[in-house]
Amino acid sequence: MTQEVFEVLYHVLWETVHVYFEHREQGHDVGNSSFLYPFLGKGEQRLEEVVREVQGSMLQKVEEVNSMRAAVAETEAGAISEIAAAVAERLARGGKLIVFGNGGSATDANDLVADCVAPPPGMQPIPAVSLSAEPANITAIANDIGSEAIFTRQLIAHARPEDDVAVGISTSGGSANILHALAEARKRGLLTVGIVGYDGGRIVGERLADHAVVVRSDYIPRIQEVQASVYHVLLRLIEDLREEG
């Protein structure tokens, strides 16, 4: 939960910094057009009202992400429970998680794997690897073969057929390298899981994942914040199932 709070805070902070950039005087001579473009001119801008607006915007963003978490809890609880049970079964057979994503989702993939291999006190480690963690691998494959292959080629090297779990994290559900990796994982008998945004994109539309959790939003920061909540809940459920087993 602490990590999720930090994620919301740094997204809000970044968005807020941009507001102040947009409301500072730019030092241009805009002449008679100053009333149309006040923040391009040389006059000092009063920020008291901006501060009040920013404070309101911060509260609105927190309310948005909490509302989205509640919506996902209501609509995706069954899918998350099914994923936990399926993953726990694979782990019991000696499997591991193979996780991948692009951009901010790469950070989430790395965070998920870090929580697996170095879990909080009271939780058992889970064998896991992030295909988004090694710049040398990613850049070599992208340069020599193409960016669409960066996860597929690594997955082929790491995958243990019939035992491992491939987890693709994507806000759009349509990134080519994620789609290719999930398709390859399915060919090799891995359990495939998608944690996606928007309407699930091609991952859901083409049924490339055996199980998928969809955060239904079109705003990437909010999607990623809720996706973090999803995989933290998922890890806790897996822990509970392993203890029962």
C-alpha atoms as a PDB file:
ATOM      1  CA  MET A   1       0.000   0.000   0.000  1.00  0.00           C
ATOM      2  CA  THR A   2       2.870   2.388   0.770  1.00  0.00           C
ATOM      3  CA  GLN A   3       4.283   1.946  -2.740  1.00  0.00           C
ATOM      4  CA  GLU A   4       0.877   2.711  -4.262  1.00  0.00           C
ATOM      5  CA  VAL A   5       0.628   5.945  -2.236  1.00  0.00           C
ATOM      6  CA  PHE A   6       4.088   6.958  -3.462  1.00  0.00           C
ATOM      7  CA  GLU A   7       3.058   6.231  -7.056  1.00  0.00           C
ATOM      8  CA  VAL A   8       0.000   8.475  -6.769  1.00  0.00           C
ATOM      9  CA  LEU A   9       2.099  11.190  -5.127  1.00  0.00           C
ATOM     10  CA  TYR A  10       4.782  11.318  -7.806  1.00  0.00           C
ATOM     11  CA  HIS A  11       2.221  11.337 -10.621  1.00  0.00           C
ATOM     12  CA  VAL A  12       0.342  14.191  -8.926  1.00  0.00           C
ATOM     13  CA  LEU A  13       3.608  16.025  -8.233  1.00  0.00           C
ATOM     14  CA  TRP A  14       4.670  15.785 -11.866  1.00  0.00           C
ATOM     15  CA  GLU A  15       1.302  16.974 -13.103  1.00  0.00           C
ATOM     16  CA  THR A  16       1.376  19.846 -10.606  1.00  0.00           C
ATOM     17  CA  VAL A  17       4.871  20.967 -11.664  1.00  0.00           C
ATOM     18  CA  HIS A  18       3.587  21.270 -15.224  1.00  0.00           C
ATOM     19  CA  VAL A  19       0.774  23.532 -14.034  1.00  0.00           C
ATOM     20  CA  TYR A  20       3.290  25.969 -12.545  1.00  0.00           C
ATOM     21  CA  PHE A  21       5.438  25.825 -15.673  1.00  0.00           C
ATOM     22  CA  GLU A  22       2.384  26.826 -17.694  1.00  0.00           C
ATOM     23  CA  HIS A  23       1.558  29.702 -15.326  1.00  0.00           C
ATOM     24  CA  ARG A  24       4.916  31.426 -15.083  1.00  0.00           C
ATOM     25  CA  GLU A  25       5.775  34.562 -17.013  1.00  0.00           C
ATOM     26  CA  GLN A  26       7.807  33.797 -20.131  1.00  0.00           C
ATOM     27  CA  GLY A  27       9.369  37.246 -20.651  1.00  0.00           C
ATOM     28  CA  HIS A  28       8.065  37.835 -24.196  1.00  0.00           C
ATOM     29  CA  ASP A  29       6.902  41.216 -25.487  1.00  0.00           C
ATOM     30  CA  VAL A  30       3.277  40.406 -26.370  1.00  0.00           C
ATOM     31  CA  GLY A  31       2.125  44.031 -26.568  1.00  0.00           C
ATOM     32  CA  ASN A  32      -1.620  44.531 -26.872  1.00  0.00           C
ATOM     33  CA  SER A  33      -2.161  40.764 -26.909  1.00  0.00           C
ATOM     34  CA  SER A  34      -1.169  40.435 -23.242  1.00  0.00           C
ATOM     35  CA  PHE A  35      -4.798  40.043 -22.195  1.00  0.00           C
ATOM     36  CA  LEU A  36      -5.018  36.957 -24.446  1.00  0.00           C
ATOM     37  CA  TYR A  37      -1.683  35.421 -23.431  1.00  0.00           C
ATOM     38  CA  PRO A  38      -0.928  36.701 -19.912  1.00  0.00           C
ATOM     39  CA  PHE A  39       1.610  33.990 -19.139  1.00  0.00           C
ATOM     40  CA  LEU A  40       3.735  34.729 -22.185  1.00  0.00           C
ATOM     41  CA  GLY A  41       4.402  38.295 -21.095  1.00  0.00           C
ATOM     42  CA  LYS A  42       6.868  39.976 -18.771  1.00  0.00           C
ATOM     43  CA  GLY A  43       4.476  40.872 -15.956  1.00  0.00           C
ATOM     44  CA  GLU A  44       4.642  38.945 -12.713  1.00  0.00           C
ATOM     45  CA  GLN A  45       1.734  36.518 -12.387  1.00  0.00           C
ATOM     46  CA  ARG A  46      -0.260  36.163  -9.192  1.00  0.00           C
ATOM     47  CA  LEU A  47      -0.402  32.483  -8.267  1.00  0.00           C
ATOM     48  CA  GLU A  48      -2.772  32.545  -5.282  1.00  0.00           C
ATOM     49  CA  GLU A  49      -5.723  31.397  -7.374  1.00  0.00           C
ATOM     50  CA  VAL A  50      -3.544  28.844  -9.155  1.00  0.00           C
ATOM     51  CA  VAL A  51      -2.523  27.384  -5.788  1.00  0.00           C
ATOM     52  CA  ARG A  52      -6.176  26.965  -4.806  1.00  0.00           C
ATOM     53  CA  GLU A  53      -6.956  25.316  -8.137  1.00  0.00           C
ATOM     54  CA  VAL A  54      -3.982  22.972  -7.804  1.00  0.00           C
ATOM     55  CA  GLN A  55      -5.034  21.941  -4.312  1.00  0.00           C
ATOM     56  CA  GLY A  56      -8.498  21.129  -5.608  1.00  0.00           C
ATOM     57  CA  SER A  57      -7.004  19.236  -8.534  1.00  0.00           C
ATOM     58  CA  MET A  58      -4.868  17.115  -6.199  1.00  0.00           C
ATOM     59  CA  LEU A  59      -7.889  16.087  -4.172  1.00  0.00           C
ATOM     60  CA  GLN A  60      -9.781  15.315  -7.362  1.00  0.00           C
ATOM     61  CA  LYS A  61      -6.976  13.032  -8.603  1.00  0.00           C
ATOM     62  CA  VAL A  62      -6.908  11.097  -5.332  1.00  0.00           C
ATOM     63  CA  GLU A  63     -10.669  10.694  -5.489  1.00  0.00           C
ATOM     64  CA  GLU A  64     -10.388   9.499  -9.092  1.00  0.00           C
ATOM     65  CA  VAL A  65      -7.864   6.773  -8.337  1.00  0.00           C
ATOM     66  CA  ASN A  66      -9.766   5.594  -5.252  1.00  0.00           C
ATOM     67  CA  SER A  67     -12.968   5.451  -7.302  1.00  0.00           C
ATOM     68  CA  MET A  68     -11.179   3.429  -9.983  1.00  0.00           C
ATOM     69  CA  ARG A  69      -9.792   1.026  -7.384  1.00  0.00           C
ATOM     70  CA  ALA A  70     -13.307   0.500  -6.044  1.00  0.00           C
ATOM     71  CA  ALA A  71     -14.643  -0.098  -9.567  1.00  0.00           C
ATOM     72  CA  VAL A  72     -11.921  -2.655 -10.323  1.00  0.00           C
ATOM     73  CA  ALA A  73     -12.555  -4.397  -6.987  1.00  0.00           C
ATOM     74  CA  GLU A  74     -16.218  -4.711  -7.971  1.00  0.00           C
ATOM     75  CA  THR A  75     -15.792  -5.828 -11.581  1.00  0.00           C
ATOM     76  CA  GLU A  76     -12.470  -7.713 -11.540  1.00  0.00           C
ATOM     77  CA  ALA A  77     -12.476  -9.497  -8.162  1.00  0.00           C
ATOM     78  CA  GLY A  78     -13.428 -12.800  -9.762  1.00  0.00           C
ATOM     79  CA  ALA A  79     -10.697 -12.541 -12.399  1.00  0.00           C
ATOM     80  CA  ILE A  80      -8.055 -11.654  -9.793  1.00  0.00           C
ATOM     81  CA  SER A  81      -9.080 -14.630  -7.636  1.00  0.00           C
ATOM     82  CA  GLU A  82      -8.913 -16.965 -10.634  1.00  0.00           C
ATOM     83  CA  ILE A  83      -5.452 -15.681 -11.536  1.00  0.00           C
ATOM     84  CA  ALA A  84      -4.224 -16.187  -7.971  1.00  0.00           C
ATOM     85  CA  ALA A  85      -5.445 -19.798  -7.944  1.00  0.00           C
ATOM     86  CA  ALA A  86      -3.965 -20.570 -11.369  1.00  0.00           C
ATOM     87  CA  VAL A  87      -0.612 -18.969 -10.517  1.00  0.00           C
ATOM     88  CA  ALA A  88      -0.430 -20.734  -7.135  1.00  0.00           C
ATOM     89  CA  GLU A  89      -0.933 -24.048  -8.925  1.00  0.00           C
ATOM     90  CA  ARG A  90       1.930 -23.322 -11.321  1.00  0.00           C
ATOM     91  CA  LEU A  91       4.204 -22.258  -8.475  1.00  0.00           C
ATOM     92  CA  ALA A  92       3.446 -25.496  -6.640  1.00  0.00           C
ATOM     93  CA  ARG A  93       4.702 -27.349  -9.725  1.00  0.00           C
ATOM     94  CA  GLY A  94       7.997 -25.450  -9.603  1.00  0.00           C
ATOM     95  CA  GLY A  95       7.068 -22.660 -11.983  1.00  0.00           C
ATOM     96  CA  LYS A  96       8.022 -18.983 -11.921  1.00  0.00           C
ATOM     97  CA  LEU A  97       6.609 -15.655 -13.040  1.00  0.00           C
ATOM     98  CA  ILE A  98       7.997 -14.064 -16.214  1.00  0.00           C
ATOM     99  CA  VAL A  99       6.856 -10.431 -16.240  1.00  0.00           C
ATOM    100  CA  PHE A 100       7.216  -7.747 -18.914  1.00  0.00           C
ATOM    101  CA  GLY A 101       5.975  -4.290 -19.918  1.00  0.00           C
ATOM    102  CA  ASN A 102       7.008  -1.083 -21.689  1.00  0.00           C
ATOM    103  CA  GLY A 103       7.707   2.362 -20.241  1.00  0.00           C
ATOM    104  CA  GLY A 104       5.871   2.880 -16.968  1.00  0.00           C
ATOM    105  CA  SER A 105       4.643  -0.697 -17.252  1.00  0.00           C
ATOM    106  CA  ALA A 106       8.294  -1.801 -17.371  1.00  0.00           C
ATOM    107  CA  THR A 107       8.736  -0.116 -13.994  1.00  0.00           C
ATOM    108  CA  ASP A 108       5.670  -1.969 -12.742  1.00  0.00           C
ATOM    109  CA  ALA A 109       7.049  -5.257 -14.078  1.00  0.00           C
ATOM    110  CA  ASN A 110      10.298  -4.633 -12.211  1.00  0.00           C
ATOM    111  CA  ASP A 111       8.408  -3.663  -9.054  1.00  0.00           C
ATOM    112  CA  LEU A 112       6.229  -6.771  -9.202  1.00  0.00           C
ATOM    113  CA  VAL A 113       9.273  -9.004  -9.572  1.00  0.00           C
ATOM    114  CA  ALA A 114      11.108  -7.189  -6.756  1.00  0.00           C
ATOM    115  CA  ASP A 115       8.108  -7.830  -4.481  1.00  0.00           C
ATOM    116  CA  CYS A 116       8.257 -11.497  -5.495  1.00  0.00           C
ATOM    117  CA  VAL A 117      11.936 -12.192  -4.932  1.00  0.00           C
ATOM    118  CA  ALA A 118      12.376  -9.866  -1.921  1.00  0.00           C
ATOM    119  CA  PRO A 119       8.888  -9.833  -0.394  1.00  0.00           C
ATOM    120  CA  PRO A 120       7.715  -7.827   2.612  1.00  0.00           C
ATOM    121  CA  PRO A 121       8.125  -9.495   6.028  1.00  0.00           C
ATOM    122  CA  GLY A 122       5.750 -12.391   6.537  1.00  0.00           C
ATOM    123  CA  MET A 123       5.483 -13.339   2.861  1.00  0.00           C
ATOM    124  CA  GLN A 124       7.262 -16.155   1.043  1.00  0.00           C
ATOM    125  CA  PRO A 125       9.495 -15.409  -1.959  1.00  0.00           C
ATOM    126  CA  ILE A 126       8.124 -16.244  -5.398  1.00  0.00           C
ATOM    127  CA  PRO A 127      10.481 -17.227  -8.229  1.00  0.00           C
ATOM    128  CA  ALA A 128      10.203 -14.454 -10.811  1.00  0.00           C
ATOM    129  CA  VAL A 129      12.114 -12.622 -13.541  1.00  0.00           C
ATOM    130  CA  SER A 130      11.428  -9.311 -15.282  1.00  0.00           C
ATOM    131  CA  LEU A 131      12.156  -9.142 -19.002  1.00  0.00           C
ATOM    132  CA  SER A 132      12.110  -5.339 -18.678  1.00  0.00           C
ATOM    133  CA  ALA A 133      15.039  -5.153 -16.263  1.00  0.00           C
ATOM    134  CA  GLU A 134      18.130  -5.656 -18.433  1.00  0.00           C
ATOM    135  CA  PRO A 135      19.021  -2.769 -20.770  1.00  0.00           C
ATOM    136  CA  ALA A 136      21.754  -4.845 -22.405  1.00  0.00           C
ATOM    137  CA  ASN A 137      19.311  -7.576 -23.431  1.00  0.00           C
ATOM    138  CA  ILE A 138      16.609  -5.139 -24.507  1.00  0.00           C
ATOM    139  CA  THR A 139      18.886  -2.914 -26.599  1.00  0.00           C
ATOM    140  CA  ALA A 140      20.759  -5.840 -28.179  1.00  0.00           C
ATOM    141  CA  ILE A 141      17.550  -7.547 -29.318  1.00  0.00           C
ATOM    142  CA  ALA A 142      15.979  -4.272 -30.461  1.00  0.00           C
ATOM    143  CA  ASN A 143      19.115  -3.418 -32.465  1.00  0.00           C
ATOM    144  CA  ASP A 144      19.782  -6.868 -33.938  1.00  0.00           C
ATOM    145  CA  ILE A 145      16.232  -8.110 -34.540  1.00  0.00           C
ATOM    146  CA  GLY A 146      13.671  -5.424 -33.751  1.00  0.00           C
ATOM    147  CA  SER A 147      11.725  -3.992 -30.836  1.00  0.00           C
ATOM    148  CA  GLU A 148       8.824  -6.390 -31.363  1.00  0.00           C
ATOM    149  CA  ALA A 149      11.097  -9.280 -30.347  1.00  0.00           C
ATOM    150  CA  ILE A 150      12.582  -7.872 -27.130  1.00  0.00           C
ATOM    151  CA  PHE A 151      10.343  -9.889 -24.810  1.00  0.00           C
ATOM    152  CA  THR A 152       9.769 -12.918 -27.048  1.00  0.00           C
ATOM    153  CA  ARG A 153      13.464 -13.741 -27.412  1.00  0.00           C
ATOM    154  CA  GLN A 154      14.063 -13.422 -23.677  1.00  0.00           C
ATOM    155  CA  LEU A 155      10.960 -15.460 -22.879  1.00  0.00           C
ATOM    156  CA  ILE A 156      12.170 -18.293 -25.113  1.00  0.00           C
ATOM    157  CA  ALA A 157      15.413 -18.394 -23.117  1.00  0.00           C
ATOM    158  CA  HIS A 158      13.746 -18.267 -19.688  1.00  0.00           C
ATOM    159  CA  ALA A 159      10.494 -20.184 -20.153  1.00  0.00           C
ATOM    160  CA  ARG A 160       9.854 -23.559 -18.613  1.00  0.00           C
ATOM    161  CA  PRO A 161       6.937 -24.957 -20.652  1.00  0.00           C
ATOM    162  CA  GLU A 162       3.818 -26.116 -18.816  1.00  0.00           C
ATOM    163  CA  ASP A 163       5.032 -24.673 -15.484  1.00  0.00           C
ATOM    164  CA  ASP A 164       5.809 -20.958 -15.842  1.00  0.00           C
ATOM    165  CA  VAL A 165       3.492 -17.942 -15.927  1.00  0.00           C
ATOM    166  CA  ALA A 166       3.832 -15.061 -18.428  1.00  0.00           C
ATOM    167  CA  VAL A 167       2.476 -11.749 -17.106  1.00  0.00           C
ATOM    168  CA  GLY A 168       2.131  -8.902 -19.607  1.00  0.00           C
ATOM    169  CA  ILE A 169       1.466  -5.442 -18.134  1.00  0.00           C
ATOM    170  CA  SER A 170       0.166  -2.874 -20.604  1.00  0.00           C
ATOM    171  CA  THR A 171      -1.921   0.282 -20.354  1.00  0.00           C
ATOM    172  CA  SER A 172      -3.178  -0.020 -23.940  1.00  0.00           C
ATOM    173  CA  GLY A 173      -3.341  -3.783 -24.323  1.00  0.00           C
ATOM    174  CA  GLY A 174      -1.974  -3.349 -27.830  1.00  0.00           C
ATOM    175  CA  SER A 175       1.833  -3.107 -27.695  1.00  0.00           C
ATOM    176  CA  ALA A 176       3.284  -5.356 -30.386  1.00  0.00           C
ATOM    177  CA  ASN A 177       6.107  -6.762 -28.260  1.00  0.00           C
ATOM    178  CA  ILE A 178       3.646  -7.668 -25.479  1.00  0.00           C
ATOM    179  CA  LEU A 179       1.304  -9.364 -27.966  1.00  0.00           C
ATOM    180  CA  HIS A 180       4.148 -11.362 -29.515  1.00  0.00           C
ATOM    181  CA  ALA A 181       5.451 -12.489 -26.127  1.00  0.00           C
ATOM    182  CA  LEU A 182       2.025 -13.620 -24.900  1.00  0.00           C
ATOM    183  CA  ALA A 183       1.413 -15.508 -28.156  1.00  0.00           C
ATOM    184  CA  GLU A 184       4.792 -17.232 -27.832  1.00  0.00           C
ATOM    185  CA  ALA A 185       4.124 -18.028 -24.179  1.00  0.00           C
ATOM    186  CA  ARG A 186       0.808 -19.656 -25.068  1.00  0.00           C
ATOM    187  CA  LYS A 187       2.486 -21.759 -27.794  1.00  0.00           C
ATOM    188  CA  ARG A 188       4.890 -23.030 -25.155  1.00  0.00           C
ATOM    189  CA  GLY A 189       2.195 -23.979 -22.682  1.00  0.00           C
ATOM    190  CA  LEU A 190       2.762 -21.150 -20.198  1.00  0.00           C
ATOM    191  CA  LEU A 191      -0.136 -19.710 -18.236  1.00  0.00           C
ATOM    192  CA  THR A 192      -0.712 -16.242 -19.730  1.00  0.00           C
ATOM    193  CA  VAL A 193      -1.941 -13.268 -17.693  1.00  0.00           C
ATOM    194  CA  GLY A 194      -2.685  -9.721 -18.839  1.00  0.00           C
ATOM    195  CA  ILE A 195      -2.941  -6.670 -16.567  1.00  0.00           C
ATOM    196  CA  VAL A 196      -4.283  -4.035 -18.941  1.00  0.00           C
ATOM    197  CA  GLY A 197      -6.053  -0.685 -19.251  1.00  0.00           C
ATOM    198  CA  TYR A 198      -8.553   0.978 -21.595  1.00  0.00           C
ATOM    199  CA  ASP A 199     -10.928  -1.817 -22.765  1.00  0.00           C
ATOM    200  CA  GLY A 200      -8.232  -4.494 -22.702  1.00  0.00           C
ATOM    201  CA  GLY A 201      -7.069  -3.821 -26.263  1.00  0.00           C
ATOM    202  CA  ARG A 202      -5.906  -6.660 -28.468  1.00  0.00           C
ATOM    203  CA  ILE A 203      -4.785  -8.732 -25.481  1.00  0.00           C
ATOM    204  CA  VAL A 204      -8.416  -9.149 -24.485  1.00  0.00           C
ATOM    205  CA  GLY A 205      -9.924  -8.810 -27.965  1.00  0.00           C
ATOM    206  CA  GLU A 206      -7.730 -11.574 -29.416  1.00  0.00           C
ATOM    207  CA  ARG A 207      -7.796 -13.646 -26.206  1.00  0.00           C
ATOM    208  CA  LEU A 208      -4.030 -13.746 -25.907  1.00  0.00           C
ATOM    209  CA  ALA A 209      -4.261 -14.082 -22.119  1.00  0.00           C
ATOM    210  CA  ASP A 210      -5.794 -17.016 -20.286  1.00  0.00           C
ATOM    211  CA  HIS A 211      -6.756 -14.493 -17.607  1.00  0.00           C
ATOM    212  CA  ALA A 212      -6.944 -10.706 -17.762  1.00  0.00           C
ATOM    213  CA  VAL A 213      -7.652  -7.865 -15.359  1.00  0.00           C
ATOM    214  CA  VAL A 214      -8.878  -4.699 -17.069  1.00  0.00           C
ATOM    215  CA  VAL A 215      -8.583  -1.230 -15.506  1.00  0.00           C
ATOM    216  CA  ARG A 216     -11.179   0.593 -17.588  1.00  0.00           C
ATOM    217  CA  SER A 217      -9.764   4.074 -18.057  1.00  0.00           C
ATOM    218  CA  ASP A 218      -8.035   6.033 -20.812  1.00  0.00           C
ATOM    219  CA  TYR A 219      -5.750   8.048 -18.524  1.00  0.00           C
ATOM    220  CA  ILE A 220      -2.387   6.343 -18.219  1.00  0.00           C
ATOM    221  CA  PRO A 221      -1.224   7.581 -14.762  1.00  0.00           C
ATOM    222  CA  ARG A 222      -4.496   6.483 -13.146  1.00  0.00           C
ATOM    223  CA  ILE A 223      -4.368   3.131 -14.975  1.00  0.00           C
ATOM    224  CA  GLN A 224      -0.852   2.456 -13.702  1.00  0.00           C
ATOM    225  CA  GLU A 225      -1.726   3.420 -10.141  1.00  0.00           C
ATOM    226  CA  VAL A 226      -4.627   0.969 -10.087  1.00  0.00           C
ATOM    227  CA  GLN A 227      -2.603  -1.739 -11.846  1.00  0.00           C
ATOM    228  CA  ALA A 228      -0.114  -1.536  -8.977  1.00  0.00           C
ATOM    229  CA  SER A 229      -2.981  -2.171  -6.561  1.00  0.00           C
ATOM    230  CA  VAL A 230      -4.077  -5.144  -8.667  1.00  0.00           C
ATOM    231  CA  TYR A 231      -0.759  -6.956  -8.598  1.00  0.00           C
ATOM    232  CA  HIS A 232      -0.206  -6.237  -4.898  1.00  0.00           C
ATOM    233  CA  VAL A 233      -3.602  -7.766  -4.100  1.00  0.00           C
ATOM    234  CA  LEU A 234      -2.751 -10.660  -6.398  1.00  0.00           C
ATOM    235  CA  LEU A 235       0.486 -11.372  -4.536  1.00  0.00           C
ATOM    236  CA  ARG A 236      -1.325 -11.336  -1.200  1.00  0.00           C
ATOM    237  CA  LEU A 237      -3.931 -13.800  -2.483  1.00  0.00           C
ATOM    238  CA  ILE A 238      -1.204 -16.095  -3.814  1.00  0.00           C
ATOM    239  CA  GLU A 239       0.467 -15.988  -0.399  1.00  0.00           C
ATOM    240  CA  ASP A 240      -2.797 -16.963   1.297  1.00  0.00           C
ATOM    241  CA  LEU A 241      -3.292 -19.884  -1.091  1.00  0.00           C
ATOM    242  CA  ARG A 242       0.259 -21.124  -0.587  1.00  0.00           C
ATOM    243  CA  GLU A 243      -0.194 -21.054   3.174  1.00  0.00           C
ATOM    244  CA  GLU A 244      -3.423 -23.040   2.869  1.00  0.00           C
ATOM    245  CA  GLY A 245      -1.752 -25.550   0.584  1.00  0.00           C
END
